[in-house]
Protein backbone atom coordinates (compact mmCIF):
# COMPACT_ATOMS: atom_id res chain seq x y z
CA MET A 1 29.92 12.71 22.47
CA VAL A 2 28.38 11.86 25.83
CA ASN A 3 28.68 14.83 28.00
CA GLU A 4 29.13 14.43 31.89
CA LYS A 5 25.71 15.24 32.61
CA THR A 6 24.36 12.62 30.79
CA ILE A 7 26.78 9.67 32.09
CA PHE A 8 25.49 11.72 35.31
CA ASN A 9 21.66 11.41 35.00
CA ALA A 10 22.07 7.58 34.41
CA LEU A 11 23.79 6.98 37.12
CA LEU A 12 20.62 8.38 39.06
CA ILE A 13 18.60 6.95 37.35
CA VAL A 14 21.06 3.24 37.97
CA LEU A 15 20.94 4.66 41.91
CA PHE A 16 17.26 4.88 42.14
CA ILE A 17 16.71 0.87 40.48
CA ILE A 18 19.68 -0.18 42.83
CA SER A 19 17.27 0.96 45.86
CA ILE A 20 14.29 -0.96 44.50
CA LEU A 21 16.60 -4.23 43.97
CA VAL A 22 18.17 -3.59 47.77
CA PHE A 23 14.78 -3.38 48.96
CA ALA A 24 13.48 -6.52 47.68
CA SER A 25 16.15 -8.96 48.47
CA LEU A 26 16.61 -8.56 51.90
CA PHE A 27 13.24 -9.38 52.36
CA PHE A 28 14.56 -12.50 51.90
CA ILE A 29 17.79 -12.57 52.37
CA ASN A 30 19.79 -11.48 55.54
CA ALA A 31 23.16 -9.59 54.93
CA PRO A 32 25.59 -12.17 56.35
CA TYR A 33 27.37 -10.03 59.23
CA GLY A 34 26.54 -9.44 62.76
CA ARG A 35 24.17 -11.82 64.36
CA PHE A 36 23.16 -13.08 60.64
CA THR A 37 27.05 -13.94 60.09
CA ARG A 38 26.98 -17.35 58.12
CA ARG A 39 29.22 -19.59 55.62
CA GLY A 40 28.91 -19.01 51.95
CA TRP A 41 29.56 -16.04 51.41
CA GLY A 42 33.24 -16.28 50.54
CA LEU A 43 36.33 -14.95 52.24
CA ARG A 44 36.62 -12.92 54.74
CA ILE A 45 38.52 -10.30 56.49
CA ASN A 46 38.56 -8.06 59.71
CA PRO A 47 35.46 -6.22 60.72
CA LYS A 48 37.39 -3.10 61.35
CA LEU A 49 39.18 -2.85 58.24
CA ALA A 50 36.06 -3.67 56.41
CA TRP A 51 33.85 -0.57 57.67
CA ILE A 52 36.97 1.69 56.71
CA ALA A 53 37.27 0.19 53.30
CA MET A 54 33.46 0.39 52.44
CA GLU A 55 33.05 4.39 54.27
CA PHE A 56 36.19 5.74 52.76
CA PRO A 57 35.01 6.25 49.17
CA ALA A 58 32.13 8.37 50.62
CA PHE A 59 34.22 10.45 52.64
CA CYS A 60 36.76 10.56 49.85
CA ILE A 61 35.02 11.03 46.83
CA VAL A 62 32.78 13.94 47.95
CA LEU A 63 35.89 15.89 49.36
CA ILE A 64 37.33 15.05 45.97
CA CYS A 65 34.29 16.73 44.34
CA PHE A 66 34.22 19.71 46.53
CA LEU A 67 38.35 20.30 45.73
CA VAL A 68 37.56 20.32 41.60
CA GLY A 69 34.10 21.99 42.17
CA ASN A 70 33.32 25.39 41.35
CA ARG A 71 31.22 26.11 45.24
CA LYS A 72 34.34 26.66 47.54
CA ASN A 73 32.86 30.31 48.21
CA ASN A 74 29.69 29.07 48.77
CA LEU A 75 28.28 29.19 52.46
CA ILE A 76 25.63 26.64 51.63
CA ALA A 77 27.82 24.62 49.59
CA ASN A 78 30.57 24.93 52.46
CA ILE A 79 27.73 23.64 55.36
CA PHE A 80 26.72 20.63 52.88
CA LEU A 81 30.20 19.36 52.80
CA ILE A 82 30.66 19.64 56.87
CA ILE A 83 27.47 17.46 58.14
CA TRP A 84 28.53 15.16 55.43
CA MET A 85 31.68 14.57 56.85
CA LEU A 86 30.65 14.80 60.14
CA HIS A 87 28.80 11.42 59.17
CA TYR A 88 31.32 9.67 56.91
CA THR A 89 34.53 10.98 59.89
CA GLN A 90 32.96 9.02 62.64
CA ARG A 91 31.97 5.88 60.28
CA THR A 92 34.98 5.61 58.71
CA PHE A 93 37.57 6.90 61.58
CA ILE A 94 35.81 6.46 64.96
CA TYR A 95 33.19 3.67 64.47
CA PRO A 96 36.01 0.95 63.26
CA PHE A 97 37.92 1.19 66.21
CA LEU A 98 35.24 1.04 68.73
CA MET A 99 34.18 -1.94 67.87
CA ARG A 100 34.31 -5.25 69.97
CA TYR A 101 33.34 -8.01 67.45
CA LYS A 102 37.43 -9.46 67.63
CA GLN A 103 35.96 -12.82 67.08
CA LYS A 104 33.49 -12.10 63.57
CA THR A 105 34.97 -11.70 60.07
CA PHE A 106 33.34 -9.57 57.50
CA PRO A 107 32.40 -10.54 54.11
CA VAL A 108 34.58 -9.16 51.25
CA LEU A 109 31.44 -9.90 48.55
CA VAL A 110 29.18 -7.04 51.14
CA ILE A 111 32.33 -5.17 50.99
CA LEU A 112 32.92 -4.95 47.35
CA PHE A 113 29.10 -3.92 46.92
CA SER A 114 28.84 -1.33 49.87
CA VAL A 115 32.53 0.10 48.41
CA LEU A 116 30.57 0.35 44.89
CA PHE A 117 27.61 2.20 46.21
CA ASN A 118 29.42 4.58 48.15
CA MET A 119 31.57 5.61 44.94
CA LEU A 120 28.29 6.20 42.82
CA ASN A 121 26.61 7.59 45.91
CA GLY A 122 29.37 9.88 47.02
CA TYR A 123 30.26 10.86 43.30
CA LEU A 124 26.25 11.98 42.58
CA ASN A 125 25.59 14.28 45.92
CA GLY A 126 29.21 15.43 45.32
CA ARG A 127 29.25 16.44 42.17
CA TYR A 128 25.98 17.62 42.11
CA LEU A 129 26.40 20.01 45.40
CA PHE A 130 29.51 21.33 44.20
CA TYR A 131 28.82 21.66 40.48
CA PHE A 132 25.83 20.77 38.56
CA SER A 133 23.20 22.37 41.34
CA HIS A 134 22.69 25.82 41.05
CA PRO A 135 24.28 27.92 43.47
CA TYR A 136 22.78 27.97 47.21
CA GLU A 137 21.58 31.72 47.79
CA PRO A 138 22.46 33.01 51.55
CA GLN A 139 18.54 32.98 52.13
CA TRP A 140 18.12 29.46 51.73
CA LEU A 141 19.57 29.50 55.32
CA ARG A 142 16.32 30.53 56.29
CA ASP A 143 13.81 28.18 53.90
CA PRO A 144 11.79 25.44 56.03
CA ARG A 145 13.36 23.26 53.76
CA PHE A 146 17.05 23.82 55.39
CA VAL A 147 16.09 24.30 58.62
CA MET A 148 14.06 21.02 59.00
CA GLY A 149 16.64 19.07 56.99
CA ILE A 150 19.75 19.97 59.12
CA THR A 151 17.36 19.42 62.13
CA LEU A 152 16.22 15.94 61.34
CA PHE A 153 20.47 15.46 59.87
CA VAL A 154 21.34 16.47 63.66
CA VAL A 155 18.45 14.63 65.78
CA GLY A 156 19.13 11.04 63.73
CA PHE A 157 23.30 11.77 64.07
CA ILE A 158 23.10 12.33 68.19
CA ILE A 159 20.03 9.03 67.66
CA ASN A 160 22.31 6.77 65.85
CA ILE A 161 25.99 7.49 67.85
CA TYR A 162 23.83 6.69 71.05
CA SER A 163 22.45 3.67 69.61
CA ASP A 164 25.39 2.29 68.52
CA GLN A 165 27.19 3.26 72.61
CA SER A 166 24.16 1.42 74.09
CA LEU A 167 24.94 -1.40 72.32
CA ARG A 168 28.59 -1.90 72.76
CA LEU A 169 27.90 -1.23 75.92
CA LEU A 170 25.59 -4.02 76.65
CA ARG A 171 28.72 -6.66 76.79
CA LYS A 172 31.66 -6.21 78.95
CA PRO A 173 35.32 -7.33 77.62
CA GLY A 174 35.40 -10.51 76.18
CA GLU A 175 31.64 -11.36 76.26
CA HIS A 176 29.74 -12.69 73.15
CA THR A 177 26.24 -13.32 73.82
CA TYR A 178 23.60 -11.01 72.27
CA LYS A 179 21.09 -9.44 75.22
CA ILE A 180 18.00 -7.26 74.80
CA PRO A 181 18.98 -3.30 74.90
CA HIS A 182 17.16 -1.14 76.95
CA GLY A 183 17.22 2.66 77.33
CA GLY A 184 16.61 5.75 74.77
CA PHE A 185 14.73 5.11 71.82
CA PHE A 186 15.50 1.03 72.46
CA GLU A 187 12.54 1.34 74.70
CA TYR A 188 10.46 1.64 71.69
CA ILE A 189 12.09 0.37 68.03
CA SER A 190 14.42 -2.72 68.20
CA SER A 191 16.75 -0.82 65.81
CA PRO A 192 17.32 3.07 66.50
CA ASN A 193 20.51 2.94 64.76
CA TYR A 194 18.78 2.28 61.57
CA PHE A 195 16.11 4.84 62.60
CA GLY A 196 18.78 7.44 63.54
CA GLU A 197 20.48 7.08 60.14
CA ILE A 198 17.24 7.08 57.91
CA LEU A 199 16.98 10.51 59.86
CA GLU A 200 19.92 11.62 59.18
CA TRP A 201 19.68 11.24 55.33
CA ILE A 202 15.82 12.15 54.99
CA GLY A 203 16.93 15.50 56.75
CA TRP A 204 19.93 15.70 54.17
CA ALA A 205 17.18 15.46 50.96
CA ILE A 206 15.61 17.80 52.19
CA ALA A 207 18.28 20.41 53.28
CA THR A 208 19.51 19.83 49.38
CA TRP A 209 16.37 19.40 48.15
CA SER A 210 17.80 17.46 45.28
CA LEU A 211 17.43 14.23 43.43
CA PRO A 212 20.97 12.84 44.25
CA GLY A 213 19.54 13.48 48.02
CA LEU A 214 16.38 11.69 47.15
CA ALA A 215 18.28 8.58 46.11
CA PHE A 216 20.14 8.08 49.28
CA ALA A 217 17.89 8.96 51.49
CA LEU A 218 15.27 6.05 48.93
CA PHE A 219 18.58 4.07 49.38
CA THR A 220 19.00 4.22 52.72
CA VAL A 221 15.30 3.57 53.75
CA ALA A 222 15.75 0.35 51.43
CA ASN A 223 18.79 -1.09 52.63
CA LEU A 224 17.83 -0.99 56.64
CA SER A 225 14.36 -0.83 56.95
CA PRO A 226 14.14 -5.02 55.45
CA ARG A 227 17.23 -5.33 58.37
CA ALA A 228 15.34 -3.75 61.17
CA PHE A 229 12.73 -6.35 60.42
CA SER A 230 15.28 -9.20 60.74
CA ASN A 231 16.66 -7.51 63.83
CA HIS A 232 13.46 -7.57 65.41
CA LYS A 233 12.16 -10.49 64.19
CA TRP A 234 15.33 -12.66 65.59
CA TYR A 235 15.00 -10.73 69.02
CA ILE A 236 11.31 -11.94 69.49
CA GLU A 237 13.05 -15.29 68.20
CA ASN A 238 15.56 -15.57 70.85
CA PHE A 239 14.49 -13.71 73.87
CA PRO A 240 10.74 -14.71 75.29
CA ASP A 241 10.79 -12.15 77.21
CA TYR A 242 11.44 -9.43 74.76
CA PRO A 243 9.28 -6.16 74.98
CA LYS A 244 5.71 -7.01 73.37
CA LYS A 245 5.38 -3.12 72.57
CA ARG A 246 8.38 -2.82 71.04
CA LYS A 247 8.35 -2.18 67.30
CA ALA A 248 10.89 -2.69 64.71
CA LEU A 249 12.30 0.69 63.24
CA ILE A 250 9.15 3.76 63.24
CA PRO A 251 7.78 4.34 67.53
CA PHE A 252 4.56 2.94 67.82
CA ILE A 253 4.06 2.39 64.16
CA TYR A 254 6.45 -0.23 62.52
């Protein structure tokens, strides 16, 4: 009889493979929402409902893993739960209601993929941290990996939130046209919101020092870096006065 740990390890390998496939495909296919919205992707729904549906599994499954796991009295495990919930509370219950794209819709096909990914990723990270891992000892709070990882996560979270807010404020109520964003990390890169999210999950991987954390960080890079490149290319093609020194994703480099 196959035990849960064997299934867990197999699913972890699957997540690494998915990252490779996503990275390769997104250099040829732009995700069909936002500025790249187009026909041919089937049924579409309201974007607010779409974001809630996509992000809720990651919020819910990790919480369930914590509640049924054996780390409820572990300080470090509780800290990891808090920072995970910080991101997914904002992403599930706050971000969708701040969106202004009332005229656009979101493809159900993309939602289904995102739901499946968040279920898989939530299970792998939650089950590892709150059941399969060796309990994190209190001295982990002073470990350079924990300190650096949490710092990266918080910095990335702030960059992500600030950049999303800057994009929302570009348009006045009722406006639908795209504009060149300025301020903050937009002075250096075209997609600081993606850069911030990548920093978050790299920080998570370092702080947890786990294979599920690494798999999530790699998927985030694989998913967002091609999209950042596409966004950068789109800005250059549509705005002749787009800042020449601005990079796509990494300040001064890429």
